[in-house]
Protein backbone atom coordinates (compact mmCIF):
# COMPACT_ATOMS: atom_id res chain seq x y z
CA MET A 1 7.42 18.09 -8.03
CA ALA A 2 5.43 16.83 -10.99
CA LEU A 3 2.11 15.17 -10.21
CA CYS A 4 3.38 11.73 -11.22
CA GLU A 5 7.03 12.06 -10.24
CA TYR A 6 6.37 9.72 -7.33
CA PRO A 7 3.57 7.46 -8.56
CA LEU A 8 1.39 5.80 -5.94
CA GLY A 9 2.92 2.59 -4.64
CA GLY A 10 5.02 2.30 -7.78
CA MET A 11 1.92 2.78 -9.96
CA GLY A 12 2.58 4.62 -13.19
CA CYS A 13 0.64 7.66 -14.22
CA GLY A 14 -1.00 6.41 -17.38
CA ASP A 15 -4.00 4.27 -18.21
CA ALA A 16 -3.15 1.65 -15.56
CA ALA A 17 -3.46 4.22 -12.77
CA LEU A 18 -6.74 5.51 -14.17
CA GLU A 19 -8.15 1.97 -14.32
CA ILE A 20 -7.60 1.64 -10.56
CA LEU A 21 -9.81 4.68 -10.05
CA ARG A 22 -12.66 2.93 -11.89
CA MET A 23 -12.77 -0.05 -9.53
CA THR A 24 -15.90 -0.26 -7.42
CA THR A 25 -15.16 -2.70 -4.59
CA PHE A 26 -12.59 -0.58 -2.76
CA ASP A 27 -12.30 3.14 -2.12
CA CYS A 28 -9.56 4.01 0.38
CA LYS A 29 -10.87 6.31 3.12
CA MET A 30 -7.36 7.18 4.35
CA CYS A 31 -8.56 6.28 7.86
CA GLY A 32 -5.34 4.51 8.85
CA ASP A 33 -7.00 1.38 10.19
CA CYS A 34 -4.74 -0.75 8.00
CA CYS A 35 -1.72 1.18 9.31
CA TYR A 36 -2.30 0.15 12.92
CA GLY A 37 -0.42 -2.61 14.69
CA GLU A 38 2.92 -4.32 14.56
CA GLY A 39 2.86 -5.23 10.97
CA GLY A 40 4.48 -7.18 8.29
CA ILE A 41 5.29 -4.30 5.97
CA PHE A 42 8.65 -5.35 4.65
CA LEU A 43 10.52 -3.38 2.04
CA LYS A 44 12.01 -4.45 -1.25
CA GLU A 45 15.42 -3.01 -2.14
CA ASP A 46 14.03 -0.47 -4.62
CA GLU A 47 11.45 0.72 -2.07
CA LYS A 48 14.17 1.61 0.44
CA GLY A 49 15.77 3.96 -2.04
CA ARG A 50 12.51 5.37 -3.36
CA ILE A 51 11.17 6.22 0.11
CA SER A 52 14.46 7.65 1.37
CA ARG A 53 14.70 9.89 -1.72
CA PHE A 54 11.11 11.01 -1.22
CA LEU A 55 11.90 11.91 2.41
CA GLY A 56 15.06 13.72 1.33
CA ILE A 57 17.39 11.64 3.49
CA ASN A 58 20.11 9.16 2.68
CA ARG A 59 19.34 5.46 2.65
CA SER A 60 21.39 4.67 5.75
CA ASP A 61 19.59 7.35 7.80
CA PHE A 62 16.24 6.09 6.51
CA LEU A 63 17.01 2.52 7.56
CA THR A 64 18.24 3.60 11.00
CA ARG A 65 15.31 5.92 11.76
CA PHE A 66 12.35 4.09 10.24
CA CYS A 67 13.19 0.41 9.81
CA GLU A 68 14.20 -2.73 11.64
CA GLU A 69 15.72 -5.99 10.49
CA ARG A 70 13.83 -9.20 11.31
CA ASN A 71 14.14 -12.64 9.82
CA GLY A 72 16.40 -11.42 7.05
CA ARG A 73 14.00 -8.69 5.91
CA THR A 74 13.73 -4.95 6.46
CA TYR A 75 10.44 -3.91 8.06
CA VAL A 76 8.90 -0.48 8.58
CA THR A 77 8.66 0.23 12.31
CA THR A 78 5.67 1.46 14.30
CA GLY A 79 5.52 4.43 16.60
CA LYS A 80 4.62 4.57 20.28
CA ASP A 81 0.96 4.80 19.24
CA HIS A 82 1.39 1.44 17.41
CA PHE A 83 0.63 2.99 14.02
CA CYS A 84 3.08 2.75 11.15
CA VAL A 85 5.85 5.27 11.71
CA PHE A 86 4.74 7.06 8.52
CA TYR A 87 1.09 7.40 9.50
CA GLU A 88 -0.06 10.65 11.14
CA LYS A 89 -3.57 10.87 12.51
CA GLY A 90 -5.52 13.52 10.68
CA GLN A 91 -2.85 13.74 7.96
CA GLY A 92 -2.59 10.21 6.61
CA CYS A 93 0.46 8.52 5.22
CA ARG A 94 3.53 10.73 4.92
CA VAL A 95 4.93 8.50 2.16
CA HIS A 96 1.66 7.74 0.36
CA PRO A 97 2.94 8.59 -3.14
CA VAL A 98 5.82 6.10 -2.70
CA LYS A 99 4.28 3.69 -0.22
CA PRO A 100 5.54 0.10 -0.15
CA ALA A 101 3.99 -2.40 -2.55
CA ARG A 102 2.46 -4.34 0.37
CA CYS A 103 0.57 -1.22 1.37
CA ALA A 104 -0.47 -0.50 -2.20
CA LEU A 105 -1.78 -4.04 -2.56
CA TRP A 106 -4.27 -3.69 0.34
CA PRO A 107 -7.03 -4.94 0.44
CA TYR A 108 -6.22 -7.26 -2.45
CA TYR A 109 -4.00 -9.56 -0.40
CA PRO A 110 -4.11 -13.19 -1.55
CA ALA A 111 -5.88 -14.28 1.63
CA ASN A 112 -8.74 -11.83 0.97
CA VAL A 113 -8.98 -12.72 -2.70
CA ASN A 114 -8.74 -16.49 -2.32
CA ASP A 115 -11.09 -17.02 0.60
CA ARG A 116 -14.63 -15.66 0.90
CA GLU A 117 -14.62 -15.86 4.73
CA THR A 118 -11.36 -13.91 4.99
CA TRP A 119 -12.82 -11.31 2.60
CA GLU A 120 -15.89 -11.05 4.85
CA MET A 121 -13.62 -10.37 7.83
CA ALA A 122 -11.64 -7.80 5.83
CA LYS A 123 -14.90 -6.00 4.98
CA LEU A 124 -15.61 -5.61 8.69
CA ALA A 125 -12.11 -4.30 9.37
CA CYS A 126 -11.75 -1.93 6.40
CA ARG A 127 -14.11 1.00 5.84
CA GLY A 128 -13.02 1.27 2.22
CA ILE A 129 -14.22 -2.16 1.10
CA ASP A 130 -17.71 -1.95 -0.36
CA ARG A 131 -19.90 -3.88 2.06
CA GLU A 132 -22.61 -4.31 -0.58
CA GLY A 133 -20.23 -5.52 -3.28
CA SER A 134 -19.94 -9.16 -4.23
CA PHE A 135 -16.95 -11.38 -3.59
CA GLU A 136 -16.80 -12.08 -7.32
CA ASP A 137 -16.53 -8.35 -8.12
CA PHE A 138 -13.84 -7.98 -5.45
CA VAL A 139 -11.84 -10.80 -7.04
CA LYS A 140 -12.28 -9.21 -10.48
CA ASP A 141 -11.10 -5.82 -9.19
CA SER A 142 -8.13 -7.49 -7.51
CA GLN A 143 -7.03 -8.94 -10.82
CA THR A 144 -7.35 -5.52 -12.44
CA ALA A 145 -5.41 -3.86 -9.61
CA ILE A 146 -2.58 -6.38 -9.66
CA GLN A 147 -2.36 -6.49 -13.46
CA ASN A 148 -2.33 -2.71 -13.77
CA LYS A 149 0.19 -2.30 -10.98
CA ASP A 150 2.49 -4.81 -12.71
CA THR A 151 1.96 -3.09 -16.08
CA ALA A 152 2.74 0.31 -14.58
CA LEU A 153 5.91 -1.04 -13.00
CA VAL A 154 7.06 -2.41 -16.36
CA GLU A 155 6.21 0.90 -18.08
CA LYS A 156 8.17 2.79 -15.40
CA SER A 157 11.35 0.74 -15.92
């Protein structure tokens, strides 16, 4: 498999991906803290196909084994340990190169970007968020991350 055959969270492999690496307010530690708990990781249609292809299984099998339908959406399930079904302690995310957009967006969720208090709480919960960084820099990095992710998705099409 080529290095960029399955770009991270839909991220392309060009300049946009490199720009993400230059951000200073977040550096994922692959600790899995954000993968714990009954979550709201729902899948878009293209993500279902992308992840099933990455796993080497058909879409129907993928949906049966790893997903559940709730409120008209398809959600990734959790295991008995309450972690995302794709997270393995000590190994990380089994689908990291093709992870859902909601996962790729963390920690730049609108609630964290739009509210300083929520960002402060996220800093306590996530080891990867720079505790010394400013809220303003976090917001700036979020704009870069979202813009570059969108650009990469357009380039990929």
